mmCIF file of all heavy atoms, coordinates in Angstrom:
data_MODEL
# 
_entry.id   MODEL 
# 
loop_
_atom_site.group_PDB 
_atom_site.id 
_atom_site.type_symbol 
_atom_site.label_atom_id 
_atom_site.label_alt_id 
_atom_site.label_comp_id 
_atom_site.label_asym_id 
_atom_site.label_entity_id 
_atom_site.label_seq_id 
_atom_site.pdbx_PDB_ins_code 
_atom_site.Cartn_x 
_atom_site.Cartn_y 
_atom_site.Cartn_z 
_atom_site.occupancy 
_atom_site.B_iso_or_equiv 
_atom_site.pdbx_formal_charge 
_atom_site.auth_seq_id 
_atom_site.auth_comp_id 
_atom_site.auth_asym_id 
_atom_site.auth_atom_id 
_atom_site.pdbx_PDB_model_num 
ATOM 1   N N   . TYR A 1 1  ? 0.835   -1.201 0.014   1.00 0.00 ? 1  TYR A N   1 
ATOM 2   C CA  . TYR A 1 1  ? 0.001   0.005  0.036   1.00 0.00 ? 1  TYR A CA  1 
ATOM 3   C C   . TYR A 1 1  ? 0.829   1.267  -0.001  1.00 0.00 ? 1  TYR A C   1 
ATOM 4   O O   . TYR A 1 1  ? 0.380   2.325  -0.448  1.00 0.00 ? 1  TYR A O   1 
ATOM 5   C CB  . TYR A 1 1  ? -0.933  -0.009 1.216   1.00 0.00 ? 1  TYR A CB  1 
ATOM 6   C CG  . TYR A 1 1  ? -2.109  0.951  0.969   1.00 0.00 ? 1  TYR A CG  1 
ATOM 7   C CD1 . TYR A 1 1  ? -3.183  0.551  0.166   1.00 0.00 ? 1  TYR A CD1 1 
ATOM 8   C CD2 . TYR A 1 1  ? -2.182  2.150  1.543   1.00 0.00 ? 1  TYR A CD2 1 
ATOM 9   C CE1 . TYR A 1 1  ? -4.224  1.375  -0.093  1.00 0.00 ? 1  TYR A CE1 1 
ATOM 10  C CE2 . TYR A 1 1  ? -3.250  3.011  1.351   1.00 0.00 ? 1  TYR A CE2 1 
ATOM 11  C CZ  . TYR A 1 1  ? -4.288  2.615  0.534   1.00 0.00 ? 1  TYR A CZ  1 
ATOM 12  O OH  . TYR A 1 1  ? -5.298  3.493  0.288   1.00 0.00 ? 1  TYR A OH  1 
ATOM 13  N N   . LEU A 1 2  ? 2.105   1.183  0.510   1.00 0.00 ? 2  LEU A N   1 
ATOM 14  C CA  . LEU A 1 2  ? 2.989   2.305  0.432   1.00 0.00 ? 2  LEU A CA  1 
ATOM 15  C C   . LEU A 1 2  ? 3.198   2.776  -1.009  1.00 0.00 ? 2  LEU A C   1 
ATOM 16  O O   . LEU A 1 2  ? 3.479   3.904  -1.263  1.00 0.00 ? 2  LEU A O   1 
ATOM 17  C CB  . LEU A 1 2  ? 4.338   1.988  1.089   1.00 0.00 ? 2  LEU A CB  1 
ATOM 18  C CG  . LEU A 1 2  ? 4.370   1.897  2.592   1.00 0.00 ? 2  LEU A CG  1 
ATOM 19  C CD1 . LEU A 1 2  ? 5.682   1.399  3.106   1.00 0.00 ? 2  LEU A CD1 1 
ATOM 20  C CD2 . LEU A 1 2  ? 4.101   3.342  3.263   1.00 0.00 ? 2  LEU A CD2 1 
ATOM 21  N N   . TYR A 1 3  ? 3.086   1.793  -1.904  1.00 0.00 ? 3  TYR A N   1 
ATOM 22  C CA  . TYR A 1 3  ? 3.392   2.067  -3.318  1.00 0.00 ? 3  TYR A CA  1 
ATOM 23  C C   . TYR A 1 3  ? 2.097   2.084  -4.116  1.00 0.00 ? 3  TYR A C   1 
ATOM 24  O O   . TYR A 1 3  ? 2.107   1.592  -5.280  1.00 0.00 ? 3  TYR A O   1 
ATOM 25  C CB  . TYR A 1 3  ? 4.437   1.120  -3.847  1.00 0.00 ? 3  TYR A CB  1 
ATOM 26  C CG  . TYR A 1 3  ? 5.798   1.441  -3.281  1.00 0.00 ? 3  TYR A CG  1 
ATOM 27  C CD1 . TYR A 1 3  ? 6.135   0.897  -2.047  1.00 0.00 ? 3  TYR A CD1 1 
ATOM 28  C CD2 . TYR A 1 3  ? 6.649   2.360  -3.846  1.00 0.00 ? 3  TYR A CD2 1 
ATOM 29  C CE1 . TYR A 1 3  ? 7.422   1.225  -1.427  1.00 0.00 ? 3  TYR A CE1 1 
ATOM 30  C CE2 . TYR A 1 3  ? 7.889   2.675  -3.275  1.00 0.00 ? 3  TYR A CE2 1 
ATOM 31  C CZ  . TYR A 1 3  ? 8.283   2.124  -2.108  1.00 0.00 ? 3  TYR A CZ  1 
ATOM 32  O OH  . TYR A 1 3  ? 9.431   2.471  -1.516  1.00 0.00 ? 3  TYR A OH  1 
ATOM 33  N N   . LYS A 1 4  ? 1.085   2.543  -3.558  1.00 0.00 ? 4  LYS A N   1 
ATOM 34  C CA  . LYS A 1 4  ? -0.304  2.539  -4.224  1.00 0.00 ? 4  LYS A CA  1 
ATOM 35  C C   . LYS A 1 4  ? -0.224  3.267  -5.570  1.00 0.00 ? 4  LYS A C   1 
ATOM 36  O O   . LYS A 1 4  ? -0.737  2.720  -6.604  1.00 0.00 ? 4  LYS A O   1 
ATOM 37  C CB  . LYS A 1 4  ? -1.260  3.285  -3.289  1.00 0.00 ? 4  LYS A CB  1 
ATOM 38  C CG  . LYS A 1 4  ? -2.668  3.463  -3.868  1.00 0.00 ? 4  LYS A CG  1 
ATOM 39  C CD  . LYS A 1 4  ? -3.581  4.070  -2.798  1.00 0.00 ? 4  LYS A CD  1 
ATOM 40  C CE  . LYS A 1 4  ? -5.015  4.266  -3.356  1.00 0.00 ? 4  LYS A CE  1 
ATOM 41  N NZ  . LYS A 1 4  ? -5.074  5.390  -4.301  1.00 0.00 ? 4  LYS A NZ  1 
ATOM 42  N N   . PRO A 1 5  ? 0.337   4.501  -5.696  1.00 0.00 ? 5  PRO A N   1 
ATOM 43  C CA  . PRO A 1 5  ? 0.316   5.142  -7.031  1.00 0.00 ? 5  PRO A CA  1 
ATOM 44  C C   . PRO A 1 5  ? 1.052   4.350  -8.088  1.00 0.00 ? 5  PRO A C   1 
ATOM 45  O O   . PRO A 1 5  ? 0.531   4.263  -9.227  1.00 0.00 ? 5  PRO A O   1 
ATOM 46  C CB  . PRO A 1 5  ? 0.995   6.509  -6.725  1.00 0.00 ? 5  PRO A CB  1 
ATOM 47  C CG  . PRO A 1 5  ? 0.863   6.727  -5.248  1.00 0.00 ? 5  PRO A CG  1 
ATOM 48  C CD  . PRO A 1 5  ? 0.918   5.376  -4.661  1.00 0.00 ? 5  PRO A CD  1 
ATOM 49  N N   . GLU A 1 6  ? 2.222   3.855  -7.712  1.00 0.00 ? 6  GLU A N   1 
ATOM 50  C CA  . GLU A 1 6  ? 2.973   3.116  -8.742  1.00 0.00 ? 6  GLU A CA  1 
ATOM 51  C C   . GLU A 1 6  ? 2.292   1.788  -9.153  1.00 0.00 ? 6  GLU A C   1 
ATOM 52  O O   . GLU A 1 6  ? 2.293   1.445  -10.358 1.00 0.00 ? 6  GLU A O   1 
ATOM 53  C CB  . GLU A 1 6  ? 4.387   2.771  -8.155  1.00 0.00 ? 6  GLU A CB  1 
ATOM 54  C CG  . GLU A 1 6  ? 5.305   3.996  -7.972  1.00 0.00 ? 6  GLU A CG  1 
ATOM 55  C CD  . GLU A 1 6  ? 4.994   4.768  -6.736  1.00 0.00 ? 6  GLU A CD  1 
ATOM 56  O OE1 . GLU A 1 6  ? 4.107   4.416  -5.945  1.00 0.00 ? 6  GLU A OE1 1 
ATOM 57  O OE2 . GLU A 1 6  ? 5.755   5.765  -6.505  1.00 0.00 ? 6  GLU A OE2 1 
ATOM 58  N N   . ILE A 1 7  ? 1.715   1.078  -8.232  1.00 0.00 ? 7  ILE A N   1 
ATOM 59  C CA  . ILE A 1 7  ? 1.061   -0.161 -8.545  1.00 0.00 ? 7  ILE A CA  1 
ATOM 60  C C   . ILE A 1 7  ? -0.200  0.105  -9.415  1.00 0.00 ? 7  ILE A C   1 
ATOM 61  O O   . ILE A 1 7  ? -0.450  -0.623 -10.389 1.00 0.00 ? 7  ILE A O   1 
ATOM 62  C CB  . ILE A 1 7  ? 0.659   -0.961 -7.250  1.00 0.00 ? 7  ILE A CB  1 
ATOM 63  C CG1 . ILE A 1 7  ? 1.882   -1.403 -6.554  1.00 0.00 ? 7  ILE A CG1 1 
ATOM 64  C CG2 . ILE A 1 7  ? -0.250  -2.117 -7.588  1.00 0.00 ? 7  ILE A CG2 1 
ATOM 65  C CD1 . ILE A 1 7  ? 1.653   -2.023 -5.227  1.00 0.00 ? 7  ILE A CD1 1 
ATOM 66  N N   . GLU A 1 8  ? -0.958  1.153  -9.094  1.00 0.00 ? 8  GLU A N   1 
ATOM 67  C CA  . GLU A 1 8  ? -2.127  1.475  -9.899  1.00 0.00 ? 8  GLU A CA  1 
ATOM 68  C C   . GLU A 1 8  ? -1.716  1.838  -11.345 1.00 0.00 ? 8  GLU A C   1 
ATOM 69  O O   . GLU A 1 8  ? -2.424  1.466  -12.284 1.00 0.00 ? 8  GLU A O   1 
ATOM 70  C CB  . GLU A 1 8  ? -2.923  2.599  -9.248  1.00 0.00 ? 8  GLU A CB  1 
ATOM 71  C CG  . GLU A 1 8  ? -3.646  2.254  -8.033  1.00 0.00 ? 8  GLU A CG  1 
ATOM 72  C CD  . GLU A 1 8  ? -4.543  3.319  -7.509  1.00 0.00 ? 8  GLU A CD  1 
ATOM 73  O OE1 . GLU A 1 8  ? -4.159  4.526  -7.694  1.00 0.00 ? 8  GLU A OE1 1 
ATOM 74  O OE2 . GLU A 1 8  ? -5.577  3.045  -6.884  1.00 0.00 ? 8  GLU A OE2 1 
ATOM 75  N N   . ARG A 1 9  ? -0.617  2.545  -11.476 1.00 0.00 ? 9  ARG A N   1 
ATOM 76  C CA  . ARG A 1 9  ? -0.173  2.955  -12.845 1.00 0.00 ? 9  ARG A CA  1 
ATOM 77  C C   . ARG A 1 9  ? 0.196   1.714  -13.651 1.00 0.00 ? 9  ARG A C   1 
ATOM 78  O O   . ARG A 1 9  ? 0.109   1.720  -14.892 1.00 0.00 ? 9  ARG A O   1 
ATOM 79  C CB  . ARG A 1 9  ? 0.995   3.918  -12.791 1.00 0.00 ? 9  ARG A CB  1 
ATOM 80  C CG  . ARG A 1 9  ? 0.563   5.298  -12.252 1.00 0.00 ? 9  ARG A CG  1 
ATOM 81  C CD  . ARG A 1 9  ? 1.695   6.347  -12.428 1.00 0.00 ? 9  ARG A CD  1 
ATOM 82  N NE  . ARG A 1 9  ? 1.309   7.538  -11.750 1.00 0.00 ? 9  ARG A NE  1 
ATOM 83  C CZ  . ARG A 1 9  ? 1.843   7.933  -10.560 1.00 0.00 ? 9  ARG A CZ  1 
ATOM 84  N NH1 . ARG A 1 9  ? 2.744   7.147  -9.980  1.00 0.00 ? 9  ARG A NH1 1 
ATOM 85  N NH2 . ARG A 1 9  ? 1.485   9.075  -9.985  1.00 0.00 ? 9  ARG A NH2 1 
ATOM 86  N N   . ILE A 1 10 ? 0.694   0.669  -12.982 1.00 0.00 ? 10 ILE A N   1 
ATOM 87  C CA  . ILE A 1 10 ? 1.076   -0.580 -13.718 1.00 0.00 ? 10 ILE A CA  1 
ATOM 88  C C   . ILE A 1 10 ? -0.218  -1.360 -14.061 1.00 0.00 ? 10 ILE A C   1 
ATOM 89  O O   . ILE A 1 10 ? -0.438  -1.752 -15.184 1.00 0.00 ? 10 ILE A O   1 
ATOM 90  C CB  . ILE A 1 10 ? 2.016   -1.386 -12.834 1.00 0.00 ? 10 ILE A CB  1 
ATOM 91  C CG1 . ILE A 1 10 ? 3.354   -0.674 -12.721 1.00 0.00 ? 10 ILE A CG1 1 
ATOM 92  C CG2 . ILE A 1 10 ? 2.220   -2.776 -13.501 1.00 0.00 ? 10 ILE A CG2 1 
ATOM 93  C CD1 . ILE A 1 10 ? 4.332   -1.320 -11.706 1.00 0.00 ? 10 ILE A CD1 1 
ATOM 94  N N   . VAL A 1 11 ? -1.097  -1.554 -13.045 1.00 0.00 ? 11 VAL A N   1 
ATOM 95  C CA  . VAL A 1 11 ? -2.221  -2.437 -13.231 1.00 0.00 ? 11 VAL A CA  1 
ATOM 96  C C   . VAL A 1 11 ? -3.270  -1.808 -14.163 1.00 0.00 ? 11 VAL A C   1 
ATOM 97  O O   . VAL A 1 11 ? -3.858  -2.464 -15.010 1.00 0.00 ? 11 VAL A O   1 
ATOM 98  C CB  . VAL A 1 11 ? -2.901  -2.747 -11.859 1.00 0.00 ? 11 VAL A CB  1 
ATOM 99  C CG1 . VAL A 1 11 ? -4.193  -3.553 -12.048 1.00 0.00 ? 11 VAL A CG1 1 
ATOM 100 C CG2 . VAL A 1 11 ? -1.947  -3.524 -10.956 1.00 0.00 ? 11 VAL A CG2 1 
ATOM 101 N N   . TYR A 1 12 ? -3.444  -0.459 -14.022 1.00 0.00 ? 12 TYR A N   1 
ATOM 102 C CA  . TYR A 1 12 ? -4.464  0.227  -14.790 1.00 0.00 ? 12 TYR A CA  1 
ATOM 103 C C   . TYR A 1 12 ? -3.825  1.149  -15.829 1.00 0.00 ? 12 TYR A C   1 
ATOM 104 O O   . TYR A 1 12 ? -4.355  2.223  -16.124 1.00 0.00 ? 12 TYR A O   1 
ATOM 105 C CB  . TYR A 1 12 ? -5.350  1.034  -13.867 1.00 0.00 ? 12 TYR A CB  1 
ATOM 106 C CG  . TYR A 1 12 ? -6.107  0.216  -12.853 1.00 0.00 ? 12 TYR A CG  1 
ATOM 107 C CD1 . TYR A 1 12 ? -5.865  0.403  -11.536 1.00 0.00 ? 12 TYR A CD1 1 
ATOM 108 C CD2 . TYR A 1 12 ? -6.959  -0.814 -13.217 1.00 0.00 ? 12 TYR A CD2 1 
ATOM 109 C CE1 . TYR A 1 12 ? -6.518  -0.308 -10.510 1.00 0.00 ? 12 TYR A CE1 1 
ATOM 110 C CE2 . TYR A 1 12 ? -7.586  -1.630 -12.300 1.00 0.00 ? 12 TYR A CE2 1 
ATOM 111 C CZ  . TYR A 1 12 ? -7.358  -1.366 -10.937 1.00 0.00 ? 12 TYR A CZ  1 
ATOM 112 O OH  . TYR A 1 12 ? -7.992  -2.119 -9.967  1.00 0.00 ? 12 TYR A OH  1 
ATOM 113 N N   . ALA A 1 13 ? -2.726  0.722  -16.404 1.00 0.00 ? 13 ALA A N   1 
ATOM 114 C CA  . ALA A 1 13 ? -1.961  1.541  -17.365 1.00 0.00 ? 13 ALA A CA  1 
ATOM 115 C C   . ALA A 1 13 ? -2.880  2.011  -18.528 1.00 0.00 ? 13 ALA A C   1 
ATOM 116 O O   . ALA A 1 13 ? -2.837  3.169  -18.931 1.00 0.00 ? 13 ALA A O   1 
ATOM 117 C CB  . ALA A 1 13 ? -0.769  0.779  -17.875 1.00 0.00 ? 13 ALA A CB  1 
ATOM 118 N N   . ASP A 1 14 ? -3.659  1.100  -19.064 1.00 0.00 ? 14 ASP A N   1 
ATOM 119 C CA  . ASP A 1 14 ? -4.522  1.424  -20.262 1.00 0.00 ? 14 ASP A CA  1 
ATOM 120 C C   . ASP A 1 14 ? -5.699  2.295  -19.838 1.00 0.00 ? 14 ASP A C   1 
ATOM 121 O O   . ASP A 1 14 ? -6.312  2.924  -20.712 1.00 0.00 ? 14 ASP A O   1 
ATOM 122 C CB  . ASP A 1 14 ? -4.962  0.155  -20.911 1.00 0.00 ? 14 ASP A CB  1 
ATOM 123 C CG  . ASP A 1 14 ? -3.861  -0.639 -21.547 1.00 0.00 ? 14 ASP A CG  1 
ATOM 124 O OD1 . ASP A 1 14 ? -2.825  -0.049 -21.854 1.00 0.00 ? 14 ASP A OD1 1 
ATOM 125 O OD2 . ASP A 1 14 ? -3.995  -1.868 -21.658 1.00 0.00 ? 14 ASP A OD2 1 
ATOM 126 N N   . TRP A 1 15 ? -6.084  2.246  -18.610 1.00 0.00 ? 15 TRP A N   1 
ATOM 127 C CA  . TRP A 1 15 ? -7.277  2.979  -18.145 1.00 0.00 ? 15 TRP A CA  1 
ATOM 128 C C   . TRP A 1 15 ? -6.889  4.356  -17.561 1.00 0.00 ? 15 TRP A C   1 
ATOM 129 O O   . TRP A 1 15 ? -7.708  5.279  -17.604 1.00 0.00 ? 15 TRP A O   1 
ATOM 130 C CB  . TRP A 1 15 ? -8.021  2.214  -17.126 1.00 0.00 ? 15 TRP A CB  1 
ATOM 131 C CG  . TRP A 1 15 ? -8.647  0.924  -17.653 1.00 0.00 ? 15 TRP A CG  1 
ATOM 132 C CD1 . TRP A 1 15 ? -8.688  0.485  -18.901 1.00 0.00 ? 15 TRP A CD1 1 
ATOM 133 C CD2 . TRP A 1 15 ? -9.269  -0.102 -16.855 1.00 0.00 ? 15 TRP A CD2 1 
ATOM 134 N NE1 . TRP A 1 15 ? -9.258  -0.765 -18.992 1.00 0.00 ? 15 TRP A NE1 1 
ATOM 135 C CE2 . TRP A 1 15 ? -9.697  -1.152 -17.745 1.00 0.00 ? 15 TRP A CE2 1 
ATOM 136 C CE3 . TRP A 1 15 ? -9.589  -0.208 -15.488 1.00 0.00 ? 15 TRP A CE3 1 
ATOM 137 C CZ2 . TRP A 1 15 ? -10.328 -2.282 -17.327 1.00 0.00 ? 15 TRP A CZ2 1 
ATOM 138 C CZ3 . TRP A 1 15 ? -10.238 -1.398 -15.065 1.00 0.00 ? 15 TRP A CZ3 1 
ATOM 139 C CH2 . TRP A 1 15 ? -10.615 -2.403 -15.960 1.00 0.00 ? 15 TRP A CH2 1 
ATOM 140 N N   . MET A 1 16 ? -5.714  4.468  -17.022 1.00 0.00 ? 16 MET A N   1 
ATOM 141 C CA  . MET A 1 16 ? -5.329  5.719  -16.345 1.00 0.00 ? 16 MET A CA  1 
ATOM 142 C C   . MET A 1 16 ? -4.780  6.762  -17.231 1.00 0.00 ? 16 MET A C   1 
ATOM 143 O O   . MET A 1 16 ? -4.964  7.953  -17.086 1.00 0.00 ? 16 MET A O   1 
ATOM 144 C CB  . MET A 1 16 ? -4.355  5.426  -15.216 1.00 0.00 ? 16 MET A CB  1 
ATOM 145 C CG  . MET A 1 16 ? -4.977  4.780  -13.992 1.00 0.00 ? 16 MET A CG  1 
ATOM 146 S SD  . MET A 1 16 ? -3.763  4.621  -12.659 1.00 0.00 ? 16 MET A SD  1 
ATOM 147 C CE  . MET A 1 16 ? -3.374  6.309  -12.273 1.00 0.00 ? 16 MET A CE  1 
ATOM 148 N N   . ARG A 1 17 ? -4.062  6.318  -18.305 1.00 0.00 ? 17 ARG A N   1 
ATOM 149 C CA  . ARG A 1 17 ? -3.459  7.242  -19.227 1.00 0.00 ? 17 ARG A CA  1 
ATOM 150 C C   . ARG A 1 17 ? -4.374  7.501  -20.353 1.00 0.00 ? 17 ARG A C   1 
ATOM 151 O O   . ARG A 1 17 ? -4.836  6.564  -21.070 1.00 0.00 ? 17 ARG A O   1 
ATOM 152 C CB  . ARG A 1 17 ? -2.132  6.724  -19.718 1.00 0.00 ? 17 ARG A CB  1 
ATOM 153 C CG  . ARG A 1 17 ? -1.034  6.786  -18.659 1.00 0.00 ? 17 ARG A CG  1 
ATOM 154 C CD  . ARG A 1 17 ? 0.355   6.566  -19.289 1.00 0.00 ? 17 ARG A CD  1 
ATOM 155 N NE  . ARG A 1 17 ? 0.516   5.130  -19.738 1.00 0.00 ? 17 ARG A NE  1 
ATOM 156 C CZ  . ARG A 1 17 ? 1.049   4.173  -19.007 1.00 0.00 ? 17 ARG A CZ  1 
ATOM 157 N NH1 . ARG A 1 17 ? 1.479   4.450  -17.807 1.00 0.00 ? 17 ARG A NH1 1 
ATOM 158 N NH2 . ARG A 1 17 ? 1.177   2.959  -19.478 1.00 0.00 ? 17 ARG A NH2 1 
ATOM 159 N N   . ILE A 1 18 ? -4.665  8.779  -20.612 1.00 0.00 ? 18 ILE A N   1 
ATOM 160 C CA  . ILE A 1 18 ? -5.532  9.089  -21.800 1.00 0.00 ? 18 ILE A CA  1 
ATOM 161 C C   . ILE A 1 18 ? -4.661  9.409  -22.967 1.00 0.00 ? 18 ILE A C   1 
ATOM 162 O O   . ILE A 1 18 ? -3.520  9.853  -22.822 1.00 0.00 ? 18 ILE A O   1 
ATOM 163 C CB  . ILE A 1 18 ? -6.524  10.256 -21.450 1.00 0.00 ? 18 ILE A CB  1 
ATOM 164 C CG1 . ILE A 1 18 ? -5.710  11.491 -20.984 1.00 0.00 ? 18 ILE A CG1 1 
ATOM 165 C CG2 . ILE A 1 18 ? -7.491  9.868  -20.358 1.00 0.00 ? 18 ILE A CG2 1 
ATOM 166 C CD1 . ILE A 1 18 ? -6.576  12.678 -20.638 1.00 0.00 ? 18 ILE A CD1 1 
ATOM 167 N N   . PRO A 1 19 ? -5.187  9.243  -24.171 1.00 0.00 ? 19 PRO A N   1 
ATOM 168 C CA  . PRO A 1 19 ? -4.366  9.364  -25.418 1.00 0.00 ? 19 PRO A CA  1 
ATOM 169 C C   . PRO A 1 19 ? -3.688  10.719 -25.519 1.00 0.00 ? 19 PRO A C   1 
ATOM 170 O O   . PRO A 1 19 ? -2.481  10.852 -25.894 1.00 0.00 ? 19 PRO A O   1 
ATOM 171 C CB  . PRO A 1 19 ? -5.319  9.165  -26.543 1.00 0.00 ? 19 PRO A CB  1 
ATOM 172 C CG  . PRO A 1 19 ? -6.435  8.335  -25.945 1.00 0.00 ? 19 PRO A CG  1 
ATOM 173 C CD  . PRO A 1 19 ? -6.539  8.793  -24.528 1.00 0.00 ? 19 PRO A CD  1 
ATOM 174 N N   . ALA A 1 20 ? -4.418  11.810 -25.183 1.00 0.00 ? 20 ALA A N   1 
ATOM 175 C CA  . ALA A 1 20 ? -3.835  13.157 -25.315 1.00 0.00 ? 20 ALA A CA  1 
ATOM 176 C C   . ALA A 1 20 ? -4.565  14.104 -24.370 1.00 0.00 ? 20 ALA A C   1 
ATOM 177 O O   . ALA A 1 20 ? -5.789  13.985 -24.155 1.00 0.00 ? 20 ALA A O   1 
ATOM 178 C CB  . ALA A 1 20 ? -3.925  13.668 -26.742 1.00 0.00 ? 20 ALA A CB  1 
ATOM 179 N N   . ALA A 1 21 ? -3.796  14.963 -23.744 1.00 0.00 ? 21 ALA A N   1 
ATOM 180 C CA  . ALA A 1 21 ? -4.408  15.901 -22.841 1.00 0.00 ? 21 ALA A CA  1 
ATOM 181 C C   . ALA A 1 21 ? -5.281  16.886 -23.655 1.00 0.00 ? 21 ALA A C   1 
ATOM 182 O O   . ALA A 1 21 ? -4.814  17.483 -24.619 1.00 0.00 ? 21 ALA A O   1 
ATOM 183 C CB  . ALA A 1 21 ? -3.362  16.702 -22.069 1.00 0.00 ? 21 ALA A CB  1 
ATOM 184 N N   . ARG A 1 22 ? -6.515  17.073 -23.230 1.00 0.00 ? 22 ARG A N   1 
ATOM 185 C CA  . ARG A 1 22 ? -7.404  17.974 -23.932 1.00 0.00 ? 22 ARG A CA  1 
ATOM 186 C C   . ARG A 1 22 ? -8.349  18.542 -22.900 1.00 0.00 ? 22 ARG A C   1 
ATOM 187 O O   . ARG A 1 22 ? -8.505  18.013 -21.820 1.00 0.00 ? 22 ARG A O   1 
ATOM 188 C CB  . ARG A 1 22 ? -8.186  17.287 -25.034 1.00 0.00 ? 22 ARG A CB  1 
ATOM 189 C CG  . ARG A 1 22 ? -8.839  15.949 -24.641 1.00 0.00 ? 22 ARG A CG  1 
ATOM 190 C CD  . ARG A 1 22 ? -9.503  15.305 -25.755 1.00 0.00 ? 22 ARG A CD  1 
ATOM 191 N NE  . ARG A 1 22 ? -9.898  13.890 -25.418 1.00 0.00 ? 22 ARG A NE  1 
ATOM 192 C CZ  . ARG A 1 22 ? -10.567 13.135 -26.229 1.00 0.00 ? 22 ARG A CZ  1 
ATOM 193 N NH1 . ARG A 1 22 ? -11.014 13.605 -27.386 1.00 0.00 ? 22 ARG A NH1 1 
ATOM 194 N NH2 . ARG A 1 22 ? -10.909 11.938 -25.829 1.00 0.00 ? 22 ARG A NH2 1 
ATOM 195 N N   . PRO A 1 23 ? -9.054  19.638 -23.200 1.00 0.00 ? 23 PRO A N   1 
ATOM 196 C CA  . PRO A 1 23 ? -9.916  20.225 -22.251 1.00 0.00 ? 23 PRO A CA  1 
ATOM 197 C C   . PRO A 1 23 ? -10.969 19.228 -21.717 1.00 0.00 ? 23 PRO A C   1 
ATOM 198 O O   . PRO A 1 23 ? -11.560 18.491 -22.503 1.00 0.00 ? 23 PRO A O   1 
ATOM 199 C CB  . PRO A 1 23 ? -10.556 21.354 -23.062 1.00 0.00 ? 23 PRO A CB  1 
ATOM 200 C CG  . PRO A 1 23 ? -9.624  21.670 -24.103 1.00 0.00 ? 23 PRO A CG  1 
ATOM 201 C CD  . PRO A 1 23 ? -8.949  20.428 -24.519 1.00 0.00 ? 23 PRO A CD  1 
ATOM 202 N N   . ALA A 1 24 ? -11.077 19.211 -20.392 1.00 0.00 ? 24 ALA A N   1 
ATOM 203 C CA  . ALA A 1 24 ? -12.038 18.278 -19.807 1.00 0.00 ? 24 ALA A CA  1 
ATOM 204 C C   . ALA A 1 24 ? -13.473 18.845 -19.853 1.00 0.00 ? 24 ALA A C   1 
ATOM 205 O O   . ALA A 1 24 ? -13.709 20.055 -19.734 1.00 0.00 ? 24 ALA A O   1 
ATOM 206 C CB  . ALA A 1 24 ? -11.647 18.023 -18.347 1.00 0.00 ? 24 ALA A CB  1 
ATOM 207 N N   . LEU A 1 25 ? -14.400 17.970 -20.101 1.00 0.00 ? 25 LEU A N   1 
ATOM 208 C CA  . LEU A 1 25 ? -15.823 18.327 -20.003 1.00 0.00 ? 25 LEU A CA  1 
ATOM 209 C C   . LEU A 1 25 ? -16.147 18.613 -18.568 1.00 0.00 ? 25 LEU A C   1 
ATOM 210 O O   . LEU A 1 25 ? -15.374 18.212 -17.655 1.00 0.00 ? 25 LEU A O   1 
ATOM 211 C CB  . LEU A 1 25 ? -16.701 17.212 -20.538 1.00 0.00 ? 25 LEU A CB  1 
ATOM 212 C CG  . LEU A 1 25 ? -16.529 16.813 -22.041 1.00 0.00 ? 25 LEU A CG  1 
ATOM 213 C CD1 . LEU A 1 25 ? -17.389 15.616 -22.373 1.00 0.00 ? 25 LEU A CD1 1 
ATOM 214 C CD2 . LEU A 1 25 ? -16.897 18.028 -22.943 1.00 0.00 ? 25 LEU A CD2 1 
ATOM 215 N N   . SER A 1 26 ? -17.247 19.234 -18.300 1.00 0.00 ? 26 SER A N   1 
ATOM 216 C CA  . SER A 1 26 ? -17.646 19.530 -16.929 1.00 0.00 ? 26 SER A CA  1 
ATOM 217 C C   . SER A 1 26 ? -17.984 18.246 -16.224 1.00 0.00 ? 26 SER A C   1 
ATOM 218 O O   . SER A 1 26 ? -18.375 17.252 -16.826 1.00 0.00 ? 26 SER A O   1 
ATOM 219 C CB  . SER A 1 26 ? -18.847 20.490 -16.888 1.00 0.00 ? 26 SER A CB  1 
ATOM 220 O OG  . SER A 1 26 ? -20.016 19.826 -17.345 1.00 0.00 ? 26 SER A OG  1 
ATOM 221 N N   . ALA A 1 27 ? -17.897 18.282 -14.885 1.00 0.00 ? 27 ALA A N   1 
ATOM 222 C CA  . ALA A 1 27 ? -18.222 17.072 -14.083 1.00 0.00 ? 27 ALA A CA  1 
ATOM 223 C C   . ALA A 1 27 ? -19.637 16.641 -14.283 1.00 0.00 ? 27 ALA A C   1 
ATOM 224 O O   . ALA A 1 27 ? -19.939 15.422 -14.341 1.00 0.00 ? 27 ALA A O   1 
ATOM 225 C CB  . ALA A 1 27 ? -17.927 17.355 -12.601 1.00 0.00 ? 27 ALA A CB  1 
ATOM 226 N N   . GLY A 1 28 ? -20.558 17.566 -14.432 1.00 0.00 ? 28 GLY A N   1 
ATOM 227 C CA  . GLY A 1 28 ? -21.937 17.262 -14.598 1.00 0.00 ? 28 GLY A CA  1 
ATOM 228 C C   . GLY A 1 28 ? -22.206 16.529 -15.931 1.00 0.00 ? 28 GLY A C   1 
ATOM 229 O O   . GLY A 1 28 ? -22.902 15.512 -15.939 1.00 0.00 ? 28 GLY A O   1 
ATOM 230 N N   . ILE A 1 29 ? -21.580 17.012 -16.984 1.00 0.00 ? 29 ILE A N   1 
ATOM 231 C CA  . ILE A 1 29 ? -21.722 16.321 -18.313 1.00 0.00 ? 29 ILE A CA  1 
ATOM 232 C C   . ILE A 1 29 ? -21.126 14.989 -18.270 1.00 0.00 ? 29 ILE A C   1 
ATOM 233 O O   . ILE A 1 29 ? -21.702 13.963 -18.805 1.00 0.00 ? 29 ILE A O   1 
ATOM 234 C CB  . ILE A 1 29 ? -21.149 17.220 -19.419 1.00 0.00 ? 29 ILE A CB  1 
ATOM 235 C CG1 . ILE A 1 29 ? -21.952 18.451 -19.580 1.00 0.00 ? 29 ILE A CG1 1 
ATOM 236 C CG2 . ILE A 1 29 ? -21.077 16.400 -20.741 1.00 0.00 ? 29 ILE A CG2 1 
ATOM 237 C CD1 . ILE A 1 29 ? -21.337 19.429 -20.596 1.00 0.00 ? 29 ILE A CD1 1 
# 
């Protein structure tokens, strides 16, 4: 658990990284 961020980036690599940074839609939308 001390390495939570690093483990998540490995396990959820395809889900956490988005193809390109772009303006985010509003939270409501």
